[in-house]
Amino acid sequence: MSHVPYGVAIWLFFVGLYGIVTSRHWVHAIICLVIVQSSSYVLLSAIGYRHGAGAPVFSDVPPGTPAVDPIVQALMLTDVVVEVTVMAVLLALAVQAYKNHGNADPNHASLLEG
């Protein structure tokens, strides 16, 4: 068992978190949030992976053949859908904030009163 995917997931999480904290633009902060969430893809892939296992399709496979966990795959697909939805809503809000106030700096968010 390799610990490399877990290290990559932790690295992606902290790189994205650093980007969110130091961001000077709404779109940059949203992209960094996407990077943070992509760390969950790497983590779920590492959890669901089994060496030498096949796809979880059991139509022509003899009993006892190792397969990857289909629950983890379903969780990853759900994670993708949630990420795309959150990103679309946040980008729409960033565009509206820029249109209404001419500013895309999160440090001036206190000026964005609605």
PDB file of N, CA and C in Angstrom:
ATOM      1  N   MET A   1       0.843  -1.182   0.000  1.00  0.00           N
ATOM      2  CA  MET A   1       0.000   0.000   0.000  1.00  0.00           C
ATOM      3  C   MET A   1       0.891   1.249   0.000  1.00  0.00           C
ATOM      4  N   SER A   2       0.619   2.135  -0.913  1.00  0.00           N
ATOM      5  CA  SER A   2       1.418   3.345  -1.041  1.00  0.00           C
ATOM      6  C   SER A   2       0.712   4.512  -0.349  1.00  0.00           C
ATOM      7  N   HIS A   3       1.507   5.349   0.257  1.00  0.00           N
ATOM      8  CA  HIS A   3       0.964   6.526   0.933  1.00  0.00           C
ATOM      9  C   HIS A   3       1.078   7.776   0.066  1.00  0.00           C
ATOM     10  N   VAL A   4       1.551   7.635  -1.158  1.00  0.00           N
ATOM     11  CA  VAL A   4       1.735   8.781  -2.055  1.00  0.00           C
ATOM     12  C   VAL A   4       0.404   9.485  -2.359  1.00  0.00           C
ATOM     13  N   PRO A   5      -0.689   8.775  -2.690  1.00  0.00           N
ATOM     14  CA  PRO A   5      -1.938   9.490  -2.965  1.00  0.00           C
ATOM     15  C   PRO A   5      -2.445  10.297  -1.774  1.00  0.00           C
ATOM     16  N   TYR A   6      -2.228   9.789  -0.566  1.00  0.00           N
ATOM     17  CA  TYR A   6      -2.646  10.533   0.626  1.00  0.00           C
ATOM     18  C   TYR A   6      -1.819  11.804   0.782  1.00  0.00           C
ATOM     19  N   GLY A   7      -0.525  11.714   0.496  1.00  0.00           N
ATOM     20  CA  GLY A   7       0.325  12.899   0.529  1.00  0.00           C
ATOM     21  C   GLY A   7      -0.061  13.914  -0.525  1.00  0.00           C
ATOM     22  N   VAL A   8      -0.401  13.427  -1.714  1.00  0.00           N
ATOM     23  CA  VAL A   8      -0.843  14.332  -2.786  1.00  0.00           C
ATOM     24  C   VAL A   8      -2.150  15.018  -2.397  1.00  0.00           C
ATOM     25  N   ALA A   9      -3.068  14.276  -1.787  1.00  0.00           N
ATOM     26  CA  ALA A   9      -4.340  14.857  -1.364  1.00  0.00           C
ATOM     27  C   ALA A   9      -4.124  15.938  -0.304  1.00  0.00           C
ATOM     28  N   ILE A  10      -3.247  15.669   0.644  1.00  0.00           N
ATOM     29  CA  ILE A  10      -2.943  16.670   1.679  1.00  0.00           C
ATOM     30  C   ILE A  10      -2.277  17.888   1.057  1.00  0.00           C
ATOM     31  N   TRP A  11      -1.335  17.656   0.125  1.00  0.00           N
ATOM     32  CA  TRP A  11      -0.649  18.768  -0.534  1.00  0.00           C
ATOM     33  C   TRP A  11      -1.635  19.633  -1.323  1.00  0.00           C
ATOM     34  N   LEU A  12      -2.515  18.993  -2.099  1.00  0.00           N
ATOM     35  CA  LEU A  12      -3.520  19.756  -2.859  1.00  0.00           C
ATOM     36  C   LEU A  12      -4.418  20.563  -1.933  1.00  0.00           C
ATOM     37  N   PHE A  13      -4.805  19.956  -0.826  1.00  0.00           N
ATOM     38  CA  PHE A  13      -5.669  20.657   0.123  1.00  0.00           C
ATOM     39  C   PHE A  13      -4.994  21.919   0.649  1.00  0.00           C
ATOM     40  N   PHE A  14      -3.746  21.800   1.081  1.00  0.00           N
ATOM     41  CA  PHE A  14      -3.068  22.954   1.665  1.00  0.00           C
ATOM     42  C   PHE A  14      -2.664  23.991   0.620  1.00  0.00           C
ATOM     43  N   VAL A  15      -2.344  23.576  -0.589  1.00  0.00           N
ATOM     44  CA  VAL A  15      -2.050  24.544  -1.653  1.00  0.00           C
ATOM     45  C   VAL A  15      -3.311  25.347  -1.979  1.00  0.00           C
ATOM     46  N   GLY A  16      -4.442  24.658  -2.097  1.00  0.00           N
ATOM     47  CA  GLY A  16      -5.696  25.356  -2.361  1.00  0.00           C
ATOM     48  C   GLY A  16      -6.104  26.255  -1.218  1.00  0.00           C
ATOM     49  N   LEU A  17      -5.916  25.797   0.007  1.00  0.00           N
ATOM     50  CA  LEU A  17      -6.253  26.606   1.178  1.00  0.00           C
ATOM     51  C   LEU A  17      -5.375  27.850   1.253  1.00  0.00           C
ATOM     52  N   TYR A  18      -4.090  27.699   0.954  1.00  0.00           N
ATOM     53  CA  TYR A  18      -3.192  28.852   0.920  1.00  0.00           C
ATOM     54  C   TYR A  18      -3.651  29.848  -0.153  1.00  0.00           C
ATOM     55  N   GLY A  19      -4.059  29.327  -1.302  1.00  0.00           N
ATOM     56  CA  GLY A  19      -4.543  30.205  -2.366  1.00  0.00           C
ATOM     57  C   GLY A  19      -5.802  30.958  -1.970  1.00  0.00           C
ATOM     58  N   ILE A  20      -6.694  30.294  -1.244  1.00  0.00           N
ATOM     59  CA  ILE A  20      -7.922  30.960  -0.794  1.00  0.00           C
ATOM     60  C   ILE A  20      -7.585  32.075   0.194  1.00  0.00           C
ATOM     61  N   VAL A  21      -6.695  31.782   1.114  1.00  0.00           N
ATOM     62  CA  VAL A  21      -6.362  32.761   2.152  1.00  0.00           C
ATOM     63  C   VAL A  21      -5.647  33.972   1.567  1.00  0.00           C
ATOM     64  N   THR A  22      -4.794  33.771   0.574  1.00  0.00           N
ATOM     65  CA  THR A  22      -4.006  34.880   0.022  1.00  0.00           C
ATOM     66  C   THR A  22      -4.603  35.473  -1.249  1.00  0.00           C
ATOM     67  N   SER A  23      -5.790  35.078  -1.616  1.00  0.00           N
ATOM     68  CA  SER A  23      -6.378  35.510  -2.880  1.00  0.00           C
ATOM     69  C   SER A  23      -6.732  36.995  -2.870  1.00  0.00           C
ATOM     70  N   ARG A  24      -6.519  37.622  -4.009  1.00  0.00           N
ATOM     71  CA  ARG A  24      -6.877  39.037  -4.191  1.00  0.00           C
ATOM     72  C   ARG A  24      -7.963  39.215  -5.247  1.00  0.00           C
ATOM     73  N   HIS A  25      -8.570  38.121  -5.665  1.00  0.00           N
ATOM     74  CA  HIS A  25      -9.602  38.180  -6.700  1.00  0.00           C
ATOM     75  C   HIS A  25     -10.595  37.053  -6.454  1.00  0.00           C
ATOM     76  N   TRP A  26     -11.872  37.345  -6.658  1.00  0.00           N
ATOM     77  CA  TRP A  26     -12.906  36.340  -6.403  1.00  0.00           C
ATOM     78  C   TRP A  26     -12.726  35.088  -7.254  1.00  0.00           C
ATOM     79  N   VAL A  27     -12.404  35.260  -8.529  1.00  0.00           N
ATOM     80  CA  VAL A  27     -12.267  34.103  -9.421  1.00  0.00           C
ATOM     81  C   VAL A  27     -11.085  33.238  -8.984  1.00  0.00           C
ATOM     82  N   HIS A  28     -10.005  33.870  -8.571  1.00  0.00           N
ATOM     83  CA  HIS A  28      -8.856  33.117  -8.070  1.00  0.00           C
ATOM     84  C   HIS A  28      -9.243  32.321  -6.822  1.00  0.00           C
ATOM     85  N   ALA A  29      -9.999  32.927  -5.936  1.00  0.00           N
ATOM     86  CA  ALA A  29     -10.436  32.226  -4.723  1.00  0.00           C
ATOM     87  C   ALA A  29     -11.334  31.038  -5.067  1.00  0.00           C
ATOM     88  N   ILE A  30     -12.175  31.180  -6.061  1.00  0.00           N
ATOM     89  CA  ILE A  30     -13.063  30.090  -6.468  1.00  0.00           C
ATOM     90  C   ILE A  30     -12.256  28.951  -7.083  1.00  0.00           C
ATOM     91  N   ILE A  31     -11.274  29.277  -7.900  1.00  0.00           N
ATOM     92  CA  ILE A  31     -10.422  28.240  -8.489  1.00  0.00           C
ATOM     93  C   ILE A  31      -9.625  27.529  -7.403  1.00  0.00           C
ATOM     94  N   CYS A  32      -9.165  28.253  -6.412  1.00  0.00           N
ATOM     95  CA  CYS A  32      -8.458  27.612  -5.300  1.00  0.00           C
ATOM     96  C   CYS A  32      -9.395  26.710  -4.503  1.00  0.00           C
ATOM     97  N   LEU A  33     -10.661  27.092  -4.385  1.00  0.00           N
ATOM     98  CA  LEU A  33     -11.644  26.226  -3.735  1.00  0.00           C
ATOM     99  C   LEU A  33     -11.847  24.940  -4.533  1.00  0.00           C
ATOM    100  N   VAL A  34     -11.815  25.038  -5.852  1.00  0.00           N
ATOM    101  CA  VAL A  34     -11.906  23.854  -6.706  1.00  0.00           C
ATOM    102  C   VAL A  34     -10.683  22.952  -6.483  1.00  0.00           C
ATOM    103  N   ILE A  35      -9.520  23.536  -6.298  1.00  0.00           N
ATOM    104  CA  ILE A  35      -8.317  22.745  -6.024  1.00  0.00           C
ATOM    105  C   ILE A  35      -8.451  22.035  -4.685  1.00  0.00           C
ATOM    106  N   VAL A  36      -8.993  22.720  -3.690  1.00  0.00           N
ATOM    107  CA  VAL A  36      -9.221  22.073  -2.393  1.00  0.00           C
ATOM    108  C   VAL A  36     -10.164  20.890  -2.560  1.00  0.00           C
ATOM    109  N   GLN A  37     -11.210  21.073  -3.326  1.00  0.00           N
ATOM    110  CA  GLN A  37     -12.156  19.981  -3.499  1.00  0.00           C
ATOM    111  C   GLN A  37     -11.571  18.860  -4.352  1.00  0.00           C
ATOM    112  N   SER A  38     -10.650  19.175  -5.247  1.00  0.00           N
ATOM    113  CA  SER A  38     -10.036  18.108  -6.040  1.00  0.00           C
ATOM    114  C   SER A  38      -9.164  17.204  -5.179  1.00  0.00           C
ATOM    115  N   SER A  39      -8.739  17.703  -4.033  1.00  0.00           N
ATOM    116  CA  SER A  39      -8.007  16.825  -3.118  1.00  0.00           C
ATOM    117  C   SER A  39      -8.896  15.691  -2.631  1.00  0.00           C
ATOM    118  N   SER A  40     -10.201  15.929  -2.564  1.00  0.00           N
ATOM    119  CA  SER A  40     -11.109  14.847  -2.155  1.00  0.00           C
ATOM    120  C   SER A  40     -11.198  13.778  -3.240  1.00  0.00           C
ATOM    121  N   TYR A  41     -11.024  14.141  -4.518  1.00  0.00           N
ATOM    122  CA  TYR A  41     -11.014  13.133  -5.589  1.00  0.00           C
ATOM    123  C   TYR A  41      -9.827  12.193  -5.429  1.00  0.00           C
ATOM    124  N   VAL A  42      -8.671  12.785  -5.154  1.00  0.00           N
ATOM    125  CA  VAL A  42      -7.472  11.972  -4.982  1.00  0.00           C
ATOM    126  C   VAL A  42      -7.631  11.070  -3.756  1.00  0.00           C
ATOM    127  N   LEU A  43      -8.184  11.621  -2.691  1.00  0.00           N
ATOM    128  CA  LEU A  43      -8.378  10.833  -1.478  1.00  0.00           C
ATOM    129  C   LEU A  43      -9.372   9.696  -1.703  1.00  0.00           C
ATOM    130  N   LEU A  44     -10.491   9.980  -2.363  1.00  0.00           N
ATOM    131  CA  LEU A  44     -11.464   8.923  -2.630  1.00  0.00           C
ATOM    132  C   LEU A  44     -10.902   7.869  -3.583  1.00  0.00           C
ATOM    133  N   SER A  45     -10.100   8.292  -4.554  1.00  0.00           N
ATOM    134  CA  SER A  45      -9.468   7.318  -5.450  1.00  0.00           C
ATOM    135  C   SER A  45      -8.506   6.418  -4.691  1.00  0.00           C
ATOM    136  N   ALA A  46      -7.769   7.000  -3.758  1.00  0.00           N
ATOM    137  CA  ALA A  46      -6.829   6.202  -2.967  1.00  0.00           C
ATOM    138  C   ALA A  46      -7.557   5.233  -2.047  1.00  0.00           C
ATOM    139  N   ILE A  47      -8.670   5.657  -1.501  1.00  0.00           N
ATOM    140  CA  ILE A  47      -9.435   4.782  -0.606  1.00  0.00           C
ATOM    141  C   ILE A  47     -10.071   3.632  -1.379  1.00  0.00           C
ATOM    142  N   GLY A  48     -10.600   3.912  -2.561  1.00  0.00           N
ATOM    143  CA  GLY A  48     -11.320   2.891  -3.308  1.00  0.00           C
ATOM    144  C   GLY A  48     -10.457   1.982  -4.158  1.00  0.00           C
ATOM    145  N   TYR A  49      -9.174   2.299  -4.314  1.00  0.00           N
ATOM    146  CA  TYR A  49      -8.298   1.508  -5.184  1.00  0.00           C
ATOM    147  C   TYR A  49      -7.896   0.209  -4.501  1.00  0.00           C
ATOM    148  N   ARG A  50      -7.914  -0.872  -5.272  1.00  0.00           N
ATOM    149  CA  ARG A  50      -7.407  -2.168  -4.812  1.00  0.00           C
ATOM    150  C   ARG A  50      -6.499  -2.713  -5.893  1.00  0.00           C
ATOM    151  N   HIS A  51      -5.295  -3.067  -5.520  1.00  0.00           N
ATOM    152  CA  HIS A  51      -4.316  -3.566  -6.481  1.00  0.00           C
ATOM    153  C   HIS A  51      -4.796  -4.883  -7.096  1.00  0.00           C
ATOM    154  N   GLY A  52      -4.809  -4.930  -8.423  1.00  0.00           N
ATOM    155  CA  GLY A  52      -5.212  -6.139  -9.131  1.00  0.00           C
ATOM    156  C   GLY A  52      -6.710  -6.337  -9.234  1.00  0.00           C
ATOM    157  N   ALA A  53      -7.486  -5.360  -8.802  1.00  0.00           N
ATOM    158  CA  ALA A  53      -8.944  -5.497  -8.843  1.00  0.00           C
ATOM    159  C   ALA A  53      -9.488  -4.936 -10.148  1.00  0.00           C
ATOM    160  N   GLY A  54     -10.627  -5.456 -10.562  1.00  0.00           N
ATOM    161  CA  GLY A  54     -11.272  -5.003 -11.782  1.00  0.00           C
ATOM    162  C   GLY A  54     -12.435  -4.079 -11.495  1.00  0.00           C
ATOM    163  N   ALA A  55     -13.114  -3.717 -12.556  1.00  0.00           N
ATOM    164  CA  ALA A  55     -14.292  -2.863 -12.428  1.00  0.00           C
ATOM    165  C   ALA A  55     -15.402  -3.632 -11.713  1.00  0.00           C
ATOM    166  N   PRO A  56     -16.263  -2.927 -10.995  1.00  0.00           N
ATOM    167  CA  PRO A  56     -17.317  -3.610 -10.244  1.00  0.00           C
ATOM    168  C   PRO A  56     -18.505  -4.008 -11.131  1.00  0.00           C
ATOM    169  N   VAL A  57     -18.224  -4.714 -12.215  1.00  0.00           N
ATOM    170  CA  VAL A  57     -19.259  -5.246 -13.103  1.00  0.00           C
ATOM    171  C   VAL A  57     -19.176  -6.767 -12.971  1.00  0.00           C
ATOM    172  N   PHE A  58     -20.218  -7.361 -12.479  1.00  0.00           N
ATOM    173  CA  PHE A  58     -20.155  -8.767 -12.105  1.00  0.00           C
ATOM    174  C   PHE A  58     -20.957  -9.683 -13.024  1.00  0.00           C
ATOM    175  N   SER A  59     -21.138  -9.337 -14.278  1.00  0.00           N
ATOM    176  CA  SER A  59     -21.963 -10.174 -15.153  1.00  0.00           C
ATOM    177  C   SER A  59     -21.240 -11.449 -15.586  1.00  0.00           C
ATOM    178  N   ASP A  60     -19.992 -11.363 -16.003  1.00  0.00           N
ATOM    179  CA  ASP A  60     -19.253 -12.533 -16.476  1.00  0.00           C
ATOM    180  C   ASP A  60     -18.030 -12.844 -15.612  1.00  0.00           C
ATOM    181  N   VAL A  61     -18.052 -12.432 -14.360  1.00  0.00           N
ATOM    182  CA  VAL A  61     -16.901 -12.588 -13.481  1.00  0.00           C
ATOM    183  C   VAL A  61     -17.198 -13.704 -12.479  1.00  0.00           C
ATOM    184  N   PRO A  62     -16.260 -14.618 -12.295  1.00  0.00           N
ATOM    185  CA  PRO A  62     -16.500 -15.677 -11.315  1.00  0.00           C
ATOM    186  C   PRO A  62     -16.536 -15.132  -9.891  1.00  0.00           C
ATOM    187  N   PRO A  63     -17.271 -15.759  -8.995  1.00  0.00           N
ATOM    188  CA  PRO A  63     -17.341 -15.296  -7.600  1.00  0.00           C
ATOM    189  C   PRO A  63     -15.961 -15.323  -6.945  1.00  0.00           C
ATOM    190  N   GLY A  64     -15.724 -14.343  -6.105  1.00  0.00           N
ATOM    191  CA  GLY A  64     -14.453 -14.246  -5.405  1.00  0.00           C
ATOM    192  C   GLY A  64     -13.403 -13.410  -6.105  1.00  0.00           C
ATOM    193  N   THR A  65     -13.707 -12.896  -7.297  1.00  0.00           N
ATOM    194  CA  THR A  65     -12.770 -12.042  -8.022  1.00  0.00           C
ATOM    195  C   THR A  65     -12.756 -10.662  -7.366  1.00  0.00           C
ATOM    196  N   PRO A  66     -11.568 -10.125  -7.065  1.00  0.00           N
ATOM    197  CA  PRO A  66     -11.520  -8.803  -6.416  1.00  0.00           C
ATOM    198  C   PRO A  66     -12.003  -7.702  -7.363  1.00  0.00           C
ATOM    199  N   ALA A  67     -12.702  -6.752  -6.770  1.00  0.00           N
ATOM    200  CA  ALA A  67     -13.208  -5.597  -7.526  1.00  0.00           C
ATOM    201  C   ALA A  67     -13.033  -4.344  -6.669  1.00  0.00           C
ATOM    202  N   VAL A  68     -12.957  -3.212  -7.337  1.00  0.00           N
ATOM    203  CA  VAL A  68     -12.875  -1.952  -6.603  1.00  0.00           C
ATOM    204  C   VAL A  68     -14.224  -1.660  -5.978  1.00  0.00           C
ATOM    205  N   ASP A  69     -14.231  -0.773  -5.014  1.00  0.00           N
ATOM    206  CA  ASP A  69     -15.453  -0.469  -4.273  1.00  0.00           C
ATOM    207  C   ASP A  69     -16.340   0.481  -5.079  1.00  0.00           C
ATOM    208  N   PRO A  70     -17.549   0.075  -5.469  1.00  0.00           N
ATOM    209  CA  PRO A  70     -18.414   0.962  -6.253  1.00  0.00           C
ATOM    210  C   PRO A  70     -19.002   2.108  -5.427  1.00  0.00           C
ATOM    211  N   ILE A  71     -19.047   1.975  -4.116  1.00  0.00           N
ATOM    212  CA  ILE A  71     -19.561   3.058  -3.272  1.00  0.00           C
ATOM    213  C   ILE A  71     -18.646   4.277  -3.356  1.00  0.00           C
ATOM    214  N   VAL A  72     -17.357   4.045  -3.355  1.00  0.00           N
ATOM    215  CA  VAL A  72     -16.399   5.150  -3.449  1.00  0.00           C
ATOM    216  C   VAL A  72     -16.510   5.836  -4.798  1.00  0.00           C
ATOM    217  N   GLN A  73     -16.733   5.058  -5.852  1.00  0.00           N
ATOM    218  CA  GLN A  73     -16.919   5.654  -7.175  1.00  0.00           C
ATOM    219  C   GLN A  73     -18.177   6.509  -7.216  1.00  0.00           C
ATOM    220  N   ALA A  74     -19.243   6.038  -6.585  1.00  0.00           N
ATOM    221  CA  ALA A  74     -20.478   6.826  -6.540  1.00  0.00           C
ATOM    222  C   ALA A  74     -20.279   8.105  -5.735  1.00  0.00           C
ATOM    223  N   LEU A  75     -19.519   8.023  -4.650  1.00  0.00           N
ATOM    224  CA  LEU A  75     -19.234   9.226  -3.869  1.00  0.00           C
ATOM    225  C   LEU A  75     -18.421  10.232  -4.665  1.00  0.00           C
ATOM    226  N   MET A  76     -17.485   9.750  -5.478  1.00  0.00           N
ATOM    227  CA  MET A  76     -16.682  10.654  -6.280  1.00  0.00           C
ATOM    228  C   MET A  76     -17.539  11.335  -7.355  1.00  0.00           C
ATOM    229  N   LEU A  77     -18.434  10.607  -7.975  1.00  0.00           N
ATOM    230  CA  LEU A  77     -19.331  11.220  -8.962  1.00  0.00           C
ATOM    231  C   LEU A  77     -20.227  12.265  -8.305  1.00  0.00           C
ATOM    232  N   THR A  78     -20.712  11.965  -7.120  1.00  0.00           N
ATOM    233  CA  THR A  78     -21.520  12.938  -6.386  1.00  0.00           C
ATOM    234  C   THR A  78     -20.689  14.165  -6.044  1.00  0.00           C
ATOM    235  N   ASP A  79     -19.447  13.964  -5.681  1.00  0.00           N
ATOM    236  CA  ASP A  79     -18.544  15.069  -5.367  1.00  0.00           C
ATOM    237  C   ASP A  79     -18.319  15.964  -6.583  1.00  0.00           C
ATOM    238  N   VAL A  80     -18.208  15.366  -7.756  1.00  0.00           N
ATOM    239  CA  VAL A  80     -18.028  16.143  -8.987  1.00  0.00           C
ATOM    240  C   VAL A  80     -19.259  17.014  -9.250  1.00  0.00           C
ATOM    241  N   VAL A  81     -20.436  16.445  -9.088  1.00  0.00           N
ATOM    242  CA  VAL A  81     -21.674  17.197  -9.328  1.00  0.00           C
ATOM    243  C   VAL A  81     -21.799  18.348  -8.338  1.00  0.00           C
ATOM    244  N   VAL A  82     -21.490  18.096  -7.077  1.00  0.00           N
ATOM    245  CA  VAL A  82     -21.563  19.158  -6.071  1.00  0.00           C
ATOM    246  C   VAL A  82     -20.542  20.250  -6.373  1.00  0.00           C
ATOM    247  N   GLU A  83     -19.337  19.866  -6.776  1.00  0.00           N
ATOM    248  CA  GLU A  83     -18.313  20.857  -7.077  1.00  0.00           C
ATOM    249  C   GLU A  83     -18.712  21.753  -8.250  1.00  0.00           C
ATOM    250  N   VAL A  84     -19.234  21.159  -9.296  1.00  0.00           N
ATOM    251  CA  VAL A  84     -19.630  21.954 -10.463  1.00  0.00           C
ATOM    252  C   VAL A  84     -20.763  22.915 -10.096  1.00  0.00           C
ATOM    253  N   THR A  85     -21.701  22.454  -9.297  1.00  0.00           N
ATOM    254  CA  THR A  85     -22.810  23.315  -8.890  1.00  0.00           C
ATOM    255  C   THR A  85     -22.328  24.468  -8.021  1.00  0.00           C
ATOM    256  N   VAL A  86     -21.501  24.176  -7.048  1.00  0.00           N
ATOM    257  CA  VAL A  86     -20.984  25.226  -6.172  1.00  0.00           C
ATOM    258  C   VAL A  86     -20.144  26.216  -6.962  1.00  0.00           C
ATOM    259  N   MET A  87     -19.303  25.708  -7.867  1.00  0.00           N
ATOM    260  CA  MET A  87     -18.464  26.596  -8.663  1.00  0.00           C
ATOM    261  C   MET A  87     -19.316  27.505  -9.551  1.00  0.00           C
ATOM    262  N   ALA A  88     -20.364  26.964 -10.156  1.00  0.00           N
ATOM    263  CA  ALA A  88     -21.218  27.784 -11.022  1.00  0.00           C
ATOM    264  C   ALA A  88     -21.913  28.892 -10.232  1.00  0.00           C
ATOM    265  N   VAL A  89     -22.418  28.548  -9.060  1.00  0.00           N
ATOM    266  CA  VAL A  89     -23.093  29.560  -8.239  1.00  0.00           C
ATOM    267  C   VAL A  89     -22.105  30.623  -7.770  1.00  0.00           C
ATOM    268  N   LEU A  90     -20.936  30.214  -7.320  1.00  0.00           N
ATOM    269  CA  LEU A  90     -19.948  31.183  -6.852  1.00  0.00           C
ATOM    270  C   LEU A  90     -19.428  32.074  -7.976  1.00  0.00           C
ATOM    271  N   LEU A  91     -19.226  31.505  -9.161  1.00  0.00           N
ATOM    272  CA  LEU A  91     -18.799  32.333 -10.295  1.00  0.00           C
ATOM    273  C   LEU A  91     -19.888  33.325 -10.698  1.00  0.00           C
ATOM    274  N   ALA A  92     -21.133  32.904 -10.650  1.00  0.00           N
ATOM    275  CA  ALA A  92     -22.236  33.825 -10.952  1.00  0.00           C
ATOM    276  C   ALA A  92     -22.285  34.954  -9.928  1.00  0.00           C
ATOM    277  N   LEU A  93     -22.072  34.632  -8.657  1.00  0.00           N
ATOM    278  CA  LEU A  93     -22.052  35.676  -7.632  1.00  0.00           C
ATOM    279  C   LEU A  93     -20.858  36.608  -7.815  1.00  0.00           C
ATOM    280  N   ALA A  94     -19.715  36.072  -8.219  1.00  0.00           N
ATOM    281  CA  ALA A  94     -18.536  36.910  -8.445  1.00  0.00           C
ATOM    282  C   ALA A  94     -18.757  37.859  -9.622  1.00  0.00           C
ATOM    283  N   VAL A  95     -19.384  37.351 -10.667  1.00  0.00           N
ATOM    284  CA  VAL A  95     -19.670  38.203 -11.827  1.00  0.00           C
ATOM    285  C   VAL A  95     -20.646  39.304 -11.443  1.00  0.00           C
ATOM    286  N   GLN A  96     -21.669  38.964 -10.669  1.00  0.00           N
ATOM    287  CA  GLN A  96     -22.641  39.977 -10.251  1.00  0.00           C
ATOM    288  C   GLN A  96     -22.011  41.008  -9.317  1.00  0.00           C
ATOM    289  N   ALA A  97     -21.144  40.576  -8.436  1.00  0.00           N
ATOM    290  CA  ALA A  97     -20.459  41.522  -7.549  1.00  0.00           C
ATOM    291  C   ALA A  97     -19.584  42.474  -8.356  1.00  0.00           C
ATOM    292  N   TYR A  98     -18.910  41.953  -9.369  1.00  0.00           N
ATOM    293  CA  TYR A  98     -18.081  42.813 -10.202  1.00  0.00           C
ATOM    294  C   TYR A  98     -18.927  43.781 -11.027  1.00  0.00           C
ATOM    295  N   LYS A  99     -20.049  43.285 -11.561  1.00  0.00           N
ATOM    296  CA  LYS A  99     -20.928  44.161 -12.347  1.00  0.00           C
ATOM    297  C   LYS A  99     -21.526  45.270 -11.493  1.00  0.00           C
ATOM    298  N   ASN A 100     -21.949  44.937 -10.293  1.00  0.00           N
ATOM    299  CA  ASN A 100     -22.634  45.925  -9.451  1.00  0.00           C
ATOM    300  C   ASN A 100     -21.685  46.901  -8.768  1.00  0.00           C
ATOM    301  N   HIS A 101     -20.488  46.447  -8.434  1.00  0.00           N
ATOM    302  CA  HIS A 101     -19.593  47.292  -7.646  1.00  0.00           C
ATOM    303  C   HIS A 101     -18.265  47.571  -8.320  1.00  0.00           C
ATOM    304  N   GLY A 102     -17.989  46.929  -9.475  1.00  0.00           N
ATOM    305  CA  GLY A 102     -16.749  47.181 -10.189  1.00  0.00           C
ATOM    306  C   GLY A 102     -15.512  46.735  -9.433  1.00  0.00           C
ATOM    307  N   ASN A 103     -15.693  45.787  -8.528  1.00  0.00           N
ATOM    308  CA  ASN A 103     -14.584  45.349  -7.710  1.00  0.00           C
ATOM    309  C   ASN A 103     -14.658  43.840  -7.530  1.00  0.00           C
ATOM    310  N   ALA A 104     -13.529  43.161  -7.711  1.00  0.00           N
ATOM    311  CA  ALA A 104     -13.485  41.707  -7.542  1.00  0.00           C
ATOM    312  C   ALA A 104     -12.503  41.311  -6.455  1.00  0.00           C
ATOM    313  N   ASP A 105     -12.196  42.221  -5.550  1.00  0.00           N
ATOM    314  CA  ASP A 105     -11.252  41.952  -4.473  1.00  0.00           C
ATOM    315  C   ASP A 105     -12.009  41.493  -3.233  1.00  0.00           C
ATOM    316  N   PRO A 106     -11.703  40.296  -2.721  1.00  0.00           N
ATOM    317  CA  PRO A 106     -12.403  39.826  -1.524  1.00  0.00           C
ATOM    318  C   PRO A 106     -12.135  40.682  -0.287  1.00  0.00           C
ATOM    319  N   ASN A 107     -11.046  41.445  -0.282  1.00  0.00           N
ATOM    320  CA  ASN A 107     -10.767  42.307   0.865  1.00  0.00           C
ATOM    321  C   ASN A 107     -11.734  43.477   0.956  1.00  0.00           C
ATOM    322  N   HIS A 108     -12.394  43.778  -0.130  1.00  0.00           N
ATOM    323  CA  HIS A 108     -13.396  44.849  -0.135  1.00  0.00           C
ATOM    324  C   HIS A 108     -14.805  44.274  -0.073  1.00  0.00           C
ATOM    325  N   ALA A 109     -14.954  43.065   0.407  1.00  0.00           N
ATOM    326  CA  ALA A 109     -16.274  42.428   0.459  1.00  0.00           C
ATOM    327  C   ALA A 109     -17.196  43.124   1.444  1.00  0.00           C
ATOM    328  N   SER A 110     -16.651  43.805   2.422  1.00  0.00           N
ATOM    329  CA  SER A 110     -17.510  44.524   3.376  1.00  0.00           C
ATOM    330  C   SER A 110     -18.237  45.680   2.688  1.00  0.00           C
ATOM    331  N   LEU A 111     -17.687  46.136   1.572  1.00  0.00           N
ATOM    332  CA  LEU A 111     -18.348  47.200   0.819  1.00  0.00           C
ATOM    333  C   LEU A 111     -19.496  46.687  -0.037  1.00  0.00           C
ATOM    334  N   LEU A 112     -19.577  45.377  -0.201  1.00  0.00           N
ATOM    335  CA  LEU A 112     -20.622  44.797  -1.025  1.00  0.00           C
ATOM    336  C   LEU A 112     -21.868  44.587  -0.188  1.00  0.00           C
ATOM    337  N   GLU A 113     -22.685  45.595  -0.120  1.00  0.00           N
ATOM    338  CA  GLU A 113     -23.927  45.487   0.636  1.00  0.00           C
ATOM    339  C   GLU A 113     -25.057  45.369  -0.355  1.00  0.00           C
ATOM    340  N   GLY A 114     -25.965  44.464  -0.082  1.00  0.00           N
ATOM    341  CA  GLY A 114     -26.956  44.181  -1.072  1.00  0.00           C
ATOM    342  C   GLY A 114     -28.300  44.619  -0.794  1.00  0.00           C
TER     343      GLY A 114
END
